PDB file of N, CA and C in Angstrom:
ATOM      1  N   MET A   1      87.382  84.243 107.937  1.00  0.00           N
ATOM      2  CA  MET A   1      88.150  84.125 109.403  1.00  0.00           C
ATOM      3  C   MET A   1      87.300  84.723 110.564  1.00  0.00           C
ATOM      4  N   LYS A   2      87.161  83.871 111.721  1.00  0.00           N
ATOM      5  CA  LYS A   2      86.370  84.255 112.713  1.00  0.00           C
ATOM      6  C   LYS A   2      86.826  85.094 113.444  1.00  0.00           C
ATOM      7  N   GLU A   3      85.825  85.564 114.423  1.00  0.00           N
ATOM      8  CA  GLU A   3      86.525  86.665 115.408  1.00  0.00           C
ATOM      9  C   GLU A   3      87.014  85.917 116.645  1.00  0.00           C
ATOM     10  N   GLY A   4      86.617  84.629 116.739  1.00  0.00           N
ATOM     11  CA  GLY A   4      87.407  83.923 117.875  1.00  0.00           C
ATOM     12  C   GLY A   4      87.166  82.464 118.049  1.00  0.00           C
ATOM     13  N   TYR A   5      87.870  81.828 118.792  1.00  0.00           N
ATOM     14  CA  TYR A   5      88.134  80.115 118.145  1.00  0.00           C
ATOM     15  C   TYR A   5      88.043  79.563 119.913  1.00  0.00           C
ATOM     16  N   ASP A   6      87.347  78.542 120.200  1.00  0.00           N
ATOM     17  CA  ASP A   6      87.355  77.753 121.319  1.00  0.00           C
ATOM     18  C   ASP A   6      88.811  77.413 121.640  1.00  0.00           C
ATOM     19  N   THR A   7      89.523  76.854 120.893  1.00  0.00           N
ATOM     20  CA  THR A   7      90.899  76.136 121.274  1.00  0.00           C
ATOM     21  C   THR A   7      91.648  76.612 120.104  1.00  0.00           C
ATOM     22  N   LEU A   8      92.987  76.419 120.639  1.00  0.00           N
ATOM     23  CA  LEU A   8      94.252  76.525 119.695  1.00  0.00           C
ATOM     24  C   LEU A   8      94.337  75.916 118.394  1.00  0.00           C
ATOM     25  N   SER A   9      94.249  74.452 118.847  1.00  0.00           N
ATOM     26  CA  SER A   9      94.380  73.706 117.655  1.00  0.00           C
ATOM     27  C   SER A   9      92.902  74.080 116.817  1.00  0.00           C
ATOM     28  N   THR A  10      91.506  74.345 117.090  1.00  0.00           N
ATOM     29  CA  THR A  10      90.836  74.648 116.115  1.00  0.00           C
ATOM     30  C   THR A  10      91.138  75.702 115.264  1.00  0.00           C
ATOM     31  N   ALA A  11      91.449  76.725 116.057  1.00  0.00           N
ATOM     32  CA  ALA A  11      91.697  77.689 115.213  1.00  0.00           C
ATOM     33  C   ALA A  11      93.015  77.529 114.171  1.00  0.00           C
ATOM     34  N   ILE A  12      94.242  76.781 114.396  1.00  0.00           N
ATOM     35  CA  ILE A  12      95.098  76.614 113.440  1.00  0.00           C
ATOM     36  C   ILE A  12      94.313  75.826 112.197  1.00  0.00           C
ATOM     37  N   ALA A  13      93.656  74.701 112.689  1.00  0.00           N
ATOM     38  CA  ALA A  13      92.900  73.851 111.752  1.00  0.00           C
ATOM     39  C   ALA A  13      92.145  74.769 110.612  1.00  0.00           C
ATOM     40  N   ALA A  14      91.672  75.474 111.325  1.00  0.00           N
ATOM     41  CA  ALA A  14      90.692  76.395 110.374  1.00  0.00           C
ATOM     42  C   ALA A  14      91.251  77.388 109.542  1.00  0.00           C
ATOM     43  N   LEU A  15      92.346  78.144 110.135  1.00  0.00           N
ATOM     44  CA  LEU A  15      93.275  78.984 109.435  1.00  0.00           C
ATOM     45  C   LEU A  15      93.819  78.362 108.269  1.00  0.00           C
ATOM     46  N   GLN A  16      94.360  77.337 108.386  1.00  0.00           N
ATOM     47  CA  GLN A  16      95.084  76.459 107.584  1.00  0.00           C
ATOM     48  C   GLN A  16      94.101  76.053 106.340  1.00  0.00           C
ATOM     49  N   ASN A  17      92.809  75.762 106.718  1.00  0.00           N
ATOM     50  CA  ASN A  17      91.721  75.502 105.350  1.00  0.00           C
ATOM     51  C   ASN A  17      91.788  76.793 104.684  1.00  0.00           C
ATOM     52  N   GLU A  18      91.865  78.327 105.308  1.00  0.00           N
ATOM     53  CA  GLU A  18      91.691  79.571 104.828  1.00  0.00           C
ATOM     54  C   GLU A  18      93.159  79.557 103.886  1.00  0.00           C
ATOM     55  N   GLY A  19      94.153  78.921 103.684  1.00  0.00           N
ATOM     56  CA  GLY A  19      95.303  79.238 103.107  1.00  0.00           C
ATOM     57  C   GLY A  19      96.825  79.714 104.232  1.00  0.00           C
ATOM     58  N   TYR A  20      96.573  79.964 105.246  1.00  0.00           N
ATOM     59  CA  TYR A  20      97.668  80.169 106.069  1.00  0.00           C
ATOM     60  C   TYR A  20      98.166  79.021 106.822  1.00  0.00           C
ATOM     61  N   ASN A  21      98.946  78.381 105.622  1.00  0.00           N
ATOM     62  CA  ASN A  21      99.792  77.247 105.768  1.00  0.00           C
ATOM     63  C   ASN A  21     101.352  77.586 105.981  1.00  0.00           C
ATOM     64  N   ILE A  22     101.867  78.130 106.131  1.00  0.00           N
ATOM     65  CA  ILE A  22     103.092  78.241 106.845  1.00  0.00           C
ATOM     66  C   ILE A  22     103.294  78.428 107.952  1.00  0.00           C
ATOM     67  N   ASN A  23     104.300  77.855 108.798  1.00  0.00           N
ATOM     68  CA  ASN A  23     104.435  77.838 110.057  1.00  0.00           C
ATOM     69  C   ASN A  23     105.708  78.676 110.250  1.00  0.00           C
ATOM     70  N   PHE A  24     105.386  79.979 111.097  1.00  0.00           N
ATOM     71  CA  PHE A  24     106.399  80.456 110.987  1.00  0.00           C
ATOM     72  C   PHE A  24     107.062  80.426 112.772  1.00  0.00           C
ATOM     73  N   ASP A  25     108.275  80.996 112.892  1.00  0.00           N
ATOM     74  CA  ASP A  25     108.933  80.559 113.885  1.00  0.00           C
ATOM     75  C   ASP A  25     109.599  82.374 114.578  1.00  0.00           C
ATOM     76  N   LEU A  26     109.500  82.528 115.287  1.00  0.00           N
ATOM     77  CA  LEU A  26     109.792  83.948 115.712  1.00  0.00           C
ATOM     78  C   LEU A  26     111.216  84.004 115.724  1.00  0.00           C
ATOM     79  N   VAL A  27     111.621  84.898 115.198  1.00  0.00           N
ATOM     80  CA  VAL A  27     113.451  85.218 115.292  1.00  0.00           C
ATOM     81  C   VAL A  27     113.692  86.644 115.764  1.00  0.00           C
ATOM     82  N   GLU A  28     114.782  86.878 116.422  1.00  0.00           N
ATOM     83  CA  GLU A  28     115.103  88.294 116.960  1.00  0.00           C
ATOM     84  C   GLU A  28     114.352  89.470 116.058  1.00  0.00           C
ATOM     85  N   ASP A  29     114.614  89.497 114.706  1.00  0.00           N
ATOM     86  CA  ASP A  29     114.316  90.568 114.072  1.00  0.00           C
ATOM     87  C   ASP A  29     113.129  90.331 113.151  1.00  0.00           C
ATOM     88  N   GLY A  30     112.215  89.091 113.273  1.00  0.00           N
ATOM     89  CA  GLY A  30     111.344  88.827 112.341  1.00  0.00           C
ATOM     90  C   GLY A  30     110.813  87.739 112.334  1.00  0.00           C
ATOM     91  N   VAL A  31     110.381  86.936 111.405  1.00  0.00           N
ATOM     92  CA  VAL A  31     109.713  85.551 111.427  1.00  0.00           C
ATOM     93  C   VAL A  31     110.689  84.519 110.382  1.00  0.00           C
ATOM     94  N   HIS A  32     110.538  83.170 110.616  1.00  0.00           N
ATOM     95  CA  HIS A  32     111.584  82.077 109.800  1.00  0.00           C
ATOM     96  C   HIS A  32     110.472  81.077 109.661  1.00  0.00           C
ATOM     97  N   SER A  33     110.946  80.206 108.039  1.00  0.00           N
ATOM     98  CA  SER A  33     110.032  79.104 108.132  1.00  0.00           C
ATOM     99  C   SER A  33     111.103  78.106 107.880  1.00  0.00           C
ATOM    100  N   LYS A  34     110.957  77.100 108.688  1.00  0.00           N
ATOM    101  CA  LYS A  34     111.915  76.061 108.508  1.00  0.00           C
ATOM    102  C   LYS A  34     111.589  75.609 107.461  1.00  0.00           C
ATOM    103  N   ASP A  35     110.708  75.217 106.808  1.00  0.00           N
ATOM    104  CA  ASP A  35     110.237  74.269 105.811  1.00  0.00           C
ATOM    105  C   ASP A  35     110.534  75.259 104.501  1.00  0.00           C
ATOM    106  N   LEU A  36     110.635  76.443 104.254  1.00  0.00           N
ATOM    107  CA  LEU A  36     110.796  77.054 102.999  1.00  0.00           C
ATOM    108  C   LEU A  36     112.167  77.636 103.142  1.00  0.00           C
ATOM    109  N   LYS A  37     112.780  77.544 104.486  1.00  0.00           N
ATOM    110  CA  LYS A  37     114.337  78.171 104.684  1.00  0.00           C
ATOM    111  C   LYS A  37     114.170  79.354 104.157  1.00  0.00           C
ATOM    112  N   MET A  38     113.136  80.332 104.692  1.00  0.00           N
ATOM    113  CA  MET A  38     113.610  81.531 104.245  1.00  0.00           C
ATOM    114  C   MET A  38     113.162  82.457 105.805  1.00  0.00           C
ATOM    115  N   GLN A  39     113.651  83.726 105.895  1.00  0.00           N
ATOM    116  CA  GLN A  39     113.276  84.374 106.862  1.00  0.00           C
ATOM    117  C   GLN A  39     112.822  85.906 106.230  1.00  0.00           C
ATOM    118  N   TRP A  40     111.632  86.503 107.184  1.00  0.00           N
ATOM    119  CA  TRP A  40     111.603  87.653 106.844  1.00  0.00           C
ATOM    120  C   TRP A  40     111.830  88.923 108.031  1.00  0.00           C
ATOM    121  N   LYS A  41     112.115  90.100 107.713  1.00  0.00           N
ATOM    122  CA  LYS A  41     112.186  91.111 108.696  1.00  0.00           C
ATOM    123  C   LYS A  41     110.783  91.803 108.969  1.00  0.00           C
ATOM    124  N   ALA A  42     110.656  92.364 110.080  1.00  0.00           N
ATOM    125  CA  ALA A  42     109.732  92.866 110.707  1.00  0.00           C
ATOM    126  C   ALA A  42     108.809  93.765 109.879  1.00  0.00           C
ATOM    127  N   GLY A  43     109.618  94.520 108.872  1.00  0.00           N
ATOM    128  CA  GLY A  43     108.826  95.226 107.825  1.00  0.00           C
ATOM    129  C   GLY A  43     108.366  94.730 106.685  1.00  0.00           C
ATOM    130  N   GLU A  44     108.635  93.233 106.703  1.00  0.00           N
ATOM    131  CA  GLU A  44     108.240  92.316 105.457  1.00  0.00           C
ATOM    132  C   GLU A  44     106.818  91.840 105.818  1.00  0.00           C
ATOM    133  N   ILE A  45     106.392  91.919 106.808  1.00  0.00           N
ATOM    134  CA  ILE A  45     105.094  90.967 107.533  1.00  0.00           C
ATOM    135  C   ILE A  45     104.391  91.668 107.900  1.00  0.00           C
ATOM    136  N   GLU A  46     103.227  91.428 107.824  1.00  0.00           N
ATOM    137  CA  GLU A  46     102.050  92.082 108.234  1.00  0.00           C
ATOM    138  C   GLU A  46     100.972  91.302 109.445  1.00  0.00           C
ATOM    139  N   VAL A  47     101.002  91.603 110.702  1.00  0.00           N
ATOM    140  CA  VAL A  47     100.123  90.649 111.215  1.00  0.00           C
ATOM    141  C   VAL A  47      98.314  91.153 110.812  1.00  0.00           C
ATOM    142  N   VAL A  48      97.731  90.245 110.445  1.00  0.00           N
ATOM    143  CA  VAL A  48      96.297  90.292 109.888  1.00  0.00           C
ATOM    144  C   VAL A  48      95.388  90.466 110.994  1.00  0.00           C
ATOM    145  N   LYS A  49      95.456  89.347 111.946  1.00  0.00           N
ATOM    146  CA  LYS A  49      94.751  89.099 113.154  1.00  0.00           C
ATOM    147  C   LYS A  49      95.730  88.248 114.116  1.00  0.00           C
ATOM    148  N   PHE A  50      94.954  88.577 115.341  1.00  0.00           N
ATOM    149  CA  PHE A  50      95.610  87.614 116.602  1.00  0.00           C
ATOM    150  C   PHE A  50      94.551  86.896 117.357  1.00  0.00           C
ATOM    151  N   TYR A  51      94.733  86.080 117.964  1.00  0.00           N
ATOM    152  CA  TYR A  51      94.035  85.379 118.656  1.00  0.00           C
ATOM    153  C   TYR A  51      94.653  84.954 120.251  1.00  0.00           C
ATOM    154  N   ARG A  52      94.058  85.248 121.075  1.00  0.00           N
ATOM    155  CA  ARG A  52      94.898  84.526 122.409  1.00  0.00           C
ATOM    156  C   ARG A  52      94.071  83.868 123.029  1.00  0.00           C
ATOM    157  N   PHE A  53      94.909  82.866 123.664  1.00  0.00           N
ATOM    158  CA  PHE A  53      94.266  81.498 124.488  1.00  0.00           C
ATOM    159  C   PHE A  53      94.819  81.738 125.654  1.00  0.00           C
ATOM    160  N   GLU A  54      94.272  81.206 126.635  1.00  0.00           N
ATOM    161  CA  GLU A  54      94.463  80.944 128.078  1.00  0.00           C
ATOM    162  C   GLU A  54      94.113  79.556 128.686  1.00  0.00           C
ATOM    163  N   GLY A  55      95.169  79.080 129.252  1.00  0.00           N
ATOM    164  CA  GLY A  55      95.159  77.493 129.581  1.00  0.00           C
ATOM    165  C   GLY A  55      94.238  77.613 131.089  1.00  0.00           C
ATOM    166  N   MET A  56      93.250  76.722 131.238  1.00  0.00           N
ATOM    167  CA  MET A  56      92.398  76.754 132.212  1.00  0.00           C
ATOM    168  C   MET A  56      93.230  76.365 133.628  1.00  0.00           C
ATOM    169  N   SER A  57      94.299  75.398 133.377  1.00  0.00           N
ATOM    170  CA  SER A  57      94.986  74.858 134.646  1.00  0.00           C
ATOM    171  C   SER A  57      96.558  75.522 134.833  1.00  0.00           C
ATOM    172  N   SER A  58      96.856  76.367 133.680  1.00  0.00           N
ATOM    173  CA  SER A  58      98.363  76.617 134.079  1.00  0.00           C
ATOM    174  C   SER A  58      98.723  77.719 133.262  1.00  0.00           C
ATOM    175  N   ALA A  59      99.304  78.867 133.797  1.00  0.00           N
ATOM    176  CA  ALA A  59      99.665  80.315 133.334  1.00  0.00           C
ATOM    177  C   ALA A  59     100.722  79.542 132.152  1.00  0.00           C
ATOM    178  N   GLY A  60     101.277  78.775 132.029  1.00  0.00           N
ATOM    179  CA  GLY A  60     102.103  78.387 131.058  1.00  0.00           C
ATOM    180  C   GLY A  60     101.470  77.511 129.741  1.00  0.00           C
ATOM    181  N   ASP A  61     100.207  77.417 129.969  1.00  0.00           N
ATOM    182  CA  ASP A  61      99.575  77.552 128.889  1.00  0.00           C
ATOM    183  C   ASP A  61      99.083  78.358 127.916  1.00  0.00           C
ATOM    184  N   ASN A  62      99.220  79.604 128.300  1.00  0.00           N
ATOM    185  CA  ASN A  62      98.775  80.835 127.603  1.00  0.00           C
ATOM    186  C   ASN A  62      99.626  80.714 126.369  1.00  0.00           C
ATOM    187  N   SER A  63      98.772  81.540 125.211  1.00  0.00           N
ATOM    188  CA  SER A  63      99.562  81.507 124.308  1.00  0.00           C
ATOM    189  C   SER A  63      98.806  82.663 123.167  1.00  0.00           C
ATOM    190  N   ILE A  64      99.539  83.111 122.070  1.00  0.00           N
ATOM    191  CA  ILE A  64      98.963  83.994 120.997  1.00  0.00           C
ATOM    192  C   ILE A  64      99.149  83.180 120.009  1.00  0.00           C
ATOM    193  N   LEU A  65      98.103  83.426 118.783  1.00  0.00           N
ATOM    194  CA  LEU A  65      98.309  82.754 117.631  1.00  0.00           C
ATOM    195  C   LEU A  65      98.312  84.305 116.712  1.00  0.00           C
ATOM    196  N   TYR A  66      99.295  84.473 115.715  1.00  0.00           N
ATOM    197  CA  TYR A  66      99.215  85.469 115.139  1.00  0.00           C
ATOM    198  C   TYR A  66      99.104  84.833 113.567  1.00  0.00           C
ATOM    199  N   VAL A  67      98.344  85.549 112.889  1.00  0.00           N
ATOM    200  CA  VAL A  67      97.607  85.406 111.502  1.00  0.00           C
ATOM    201  C   VAL A  67      98.604  86.445 110.796  1.00  0.00           C
ATOM    202  N   LEU A  68      99.719  85.744 110.070  1.00  0.00           N
ATOM    203  CA  LEU A  68     100.603  86.926 109.452  1.00  0.00           C
ATOM    204  C   LEU A  68     100.508  86.519 107.649  1.00  0.00           C
ATOM    205  N   GLU A  69     101.056  87.648 107.094  1.00  0.00           N
ATOM    206  CA  GLU A  69     101.254  87.845 105.629  1.00  0.00           C
ATOM    207  C   GLU A  69     102.333  88.556 105.185  1.00  0.00           C
ATOM    208  N   CYS A  70     103.120  87.894 104.378  1.00  0.00           N
ATOM    209  CA  CYS A  70     104.285  88.556 103.904  1.00  0.00           C
ATOM    210  C   CYS A  70     104.194  89.352 102.690  1.00  0.00           C
ATOM    211  N   LYS A  71     104.765  90.375 102.659  1.00  0.00           N
ATOM    212  CA  LYS A  71     104.864  91.398 101.168  1.00  0.00           C
ATOM    213  C   LYS A  71     105.191  90.647 100.305  1.00  0.00           C
ATOM    214  N   THR A  72     105.634  89.598 100.265  1.00  0.00           N
ATOM    215  CA  THR A  72     106.180  88.363  99.148  1.00  0.00           C
ATOM    216  C   THR A  72     104.908  87.485  98.709  1.00  0.00           C
ATOM    217  N   GLY A  73     103.798  87.611  99.507  1.00  0.00           N
ATOM    218  CA  GLY A  73     102.752  86.724  99.386  1.00  0.00           C
ATOM    219  C   GLY A  73     102.659  85.326 100.259  1.00  0.00           C
ATOM    220  N   GLU A  74     103.612  85.070 100.911  1.00  0.00           N
ATOM    221  CA  GLU A  74     103.616  84.037 101.841  1.00  0.00           C
ATOM    222  C   GLU A  74     102.418  84.250 103.064  1.00  0.00           C
ATOM    223  N   LYS A  75     101.752  83.240 103.257  1.00  0.00           N
ATOM    224  CA  LYS A  75     100.620  83.820 104.456  1.00  0.00           C
ATOM    225  C   LYS A  75     100.955  82.391 105.294  1.00  0.00           C
ATOM    226  N   GLY A  76     100.763  82.701 106.692  1.00  0.00           N
ATOM    227  CA  GLY A  76     101.050  81.557 107.652  1.00  0.00           C
ATOM    228  C   GLY A  76     100.653  82.082 109.145  1.00  0.00           C
ATOM    229  N   LEU A  77     101.192  81.048 110.045  1.00  0.00           N
ATOM    230  CA  LEU A  77     100.582  81.195 111.509  1.00  0.00           C
ATOM    231  C   LEU A  77     101.761  81.073 112.400  1.00  0.00           C
ATOM    232  N   LEU A  78     101.925  81.778 113.327  1.00  0.00           N
ATOM    233  CA  LEU A  78     102.739  82.217 114.293  1.00  0.00           C
ATOM    234  C   LEU A  78     102.109  81.934 115.831  1.00  0.00           C
ATOM    235  N   VAL A  79     102.839  80.901 116.475  1.00  0.00           N
ATOM    236  CA  VAL A  79     102.245  80.641 117.714  1.00  0.00           C
ATOM    237  C   VAL A  79     103.479  80.824 118.798  1.00  0.00           C
ATOM    238  N   ASN A  80     102.881  82.032 119.668  1.00  0.00           N
ATOM    239  CA  ASN A  80     103.780  82.484 120.732  1.00  0.00           C
ATOM    240  C   ASN A  80     103.106  82.557 121.969  1.00  0.00           C
ATOM    241  N   ALA A  81     104.338  81.791 122.930  1.00  0.00           N
ATOM    242  CA  ALA A  81     103.712  81.596 124.307  1.00  0.00           C
ATOM    243  C   ALA A  81     103.765  82.958 125.079  1.00  0.00           C
ATOM    244  N   TYR A  82     103.159  83.361 125.666  1.00  0.00           N
ATOM    245  CA  TYR A  82     103.018  84.576 126.665  1.00  0.00           C
ATOM    246  C   TYR A  82     104.535  84.279 127.549  1.00  0.00           C
ATOM    247  N   GLY A  83     105.111  85.723 127.830  1.00  0.00           N
ATOM    248  CA  GLY A  83     106.421  85.287 128.274  1.00  0.00           C
ATOM    249  C   GLY A  83     107.694  84.802 127.839  1.00  0.00           C
ATOM    250  N   ALA A  84     107.669  84.320 126.551  1.00  0.00           N
ATOM    251  CA  ALA A  84     108.722  83.317 126.311  1.00  0.00           C
ATOM    252  C   ALA A  84     109.947  84.191 126.586  1.00  0.00           C
ATOM    253  N   ASP A  85     110.806  83.563 126.967  1.00  0.00           N
ATOM    254  CA  ASP A  85     112.168  83.842 127.084  1.00  0.00           C
ATOM    255  C   ASP A  85     113.014  83.939 125.885  1.00  0.00           C
ATOM    256  N   GLN A  86     112.639  84.868 125.071  1.00  0.00           N
ATOM    257  CA  GLN A  86     113.406  84.940 123.727  1.00  0.00           C
ATOM    258  C   GLN A  86     113.455  86.367 123.466  1.00  0.00           C
ATOM    259  N   TYR A  87     115.041  86.906 123.043  1.00  0.00           N
ATOM    260  CA  TYR A  87     115.077  88.136 122.874  1.00  0.00           C
ATOM    261  C   TYR A  87     114.495  88.637 121.356  1.00  0.00           C
ATOM    262  N   ILE A  88     113.741  89.587 121.220  1.00  0.00           N
ATOM    263  CA  ILE A  88     113.105  90.134 119.785  1.00  0.00           C
ATOM    264  C   ILE A  88     113.512  91.325 119.576  1.00  0.00           C
ATOM    265  N   SER A  89     113.450  92.005 118.845  1.00  0.00           N
ATOM    266  CA  SER A  89     114.077  93.579 118.677  1.00  0.00           C
ATOM    267  C   SER A  89     112.984  94.436 118.946  1.00  0.00           C
ATOM    268  N   PRO A  90     112.953  95.574 119.277  1.00  0.00           N
ATOM    269  CA  PRO A  90     111.958  96.785 119.430  1.00  0.00           C
ATOM    270  C   PRO A  90     111.172  96.536 118.456  1.00  0.00           C
ATOM    271  N   ILE A  91     111.493  96.321 116.923  1.00  0.00           N
ATOM    272  CA  ILE A  91     110.846  96.647 115.689  1.00  0.00           C
ATOM    273  C   ILE A  91     109.697  95.584 115.564  1.00  0.00           C
ATOM    274  N   MET A  92     110.251  94.268 116.179  1.00  0.00           N
ATOM    275  CA  MET A  92     109.573  93.446 116.058  1.00  0.00           C
ATOM    276  C   MET A  92     108.274  93.144 117.326  1.00  0.00           C
ATOM    277  N   ILE A  93     108.786  94.040 118.308  1.00  0.00           N
ATOM    278  CA  ILE A  93     108.039  93.999 119.510  1.00  0.00           C
ATOM    279  C   ILE A  93     106.824  94.899 119.073  1.00  0.00           C
ATOM    280  N   GLN A  94     106.985  95.838 118.340  1.00  0.00           N
ATOM    281  CA  GLN A  94     105.881  96.667 118.050  1.00  0.00           C
ATOM    282  C   GLN A  94     105.033  96.114 116.980  1.00  0.00           C
ATOM    283  N   LYS A  95     105.596  95.159 116.067  1.00  0.00           N
ATOM    284  CA  LYS A  95     104.629  94.546 115.039  1.00  0.00           C
ATOM    285  C   LYS A  95     103.696  93.646 115.510  1.00  0.00           C
ATOM    286  N   LEU A  96     104.253  93.078 116.663  1.00  0.00           N
ATOM    287  CA  LEU A  96     103.429  91.847 117.150  1.00  0.00           C
ATOM    288  C   LEU A  96     102.587  92.483 118.538  1.00  0.00           C
ATOM    289  N   LYS A  97     102.761  93.567 119.072  1.00  0.00           N
ATOM    290  CA  LYS A  97     101.910  94.524 119.749  1.00  0.00           C
ATOM    291  C   LYS A  97     100.441  94.087 119.709  1.00  0.00           C
ATOM    292  N   MET A  98      99.689  93.652 120.753  1.00  0.00           N
ATOM    293  CA  MET A  98      98.312  93.484 120.515  1.00  0.00           C
ATOM    294  C   MET A  98      97.579  94.735 120.528  1.00  0.00           C
ATOM    295  N   LYS A  99      96.665  95.032 119.615  1.00  0.00           N
ATOM    296  CA  LYS A  99      96.025  96.372 119.971  1.00  0.00           C
ATOM    297  C   LYS A  99      94.660  96.069 120.016  1.00  0.00           C
TER     298      LYS A  99
END
């Protein structure tokens, strides 16, 4: 896993090659996989790394790529836009807090 990538698409492709193949969606108190039809609560996931990408032309292009591992062994990626209008629980906010 590299320290940084030039683009979001390059990062996703490289991390998928490393086995982070599940596409996670953010839900109120955790993450969800549409493909697996499964959901994990905040306490069941670990943020391994995150990458921040800032668009050159628009603030709307800003996003964060989270590399996640679940306690049940699943590994995948969560792409989240800055300032997305979605309610998430305080526990999930702490989990995704950039340190």
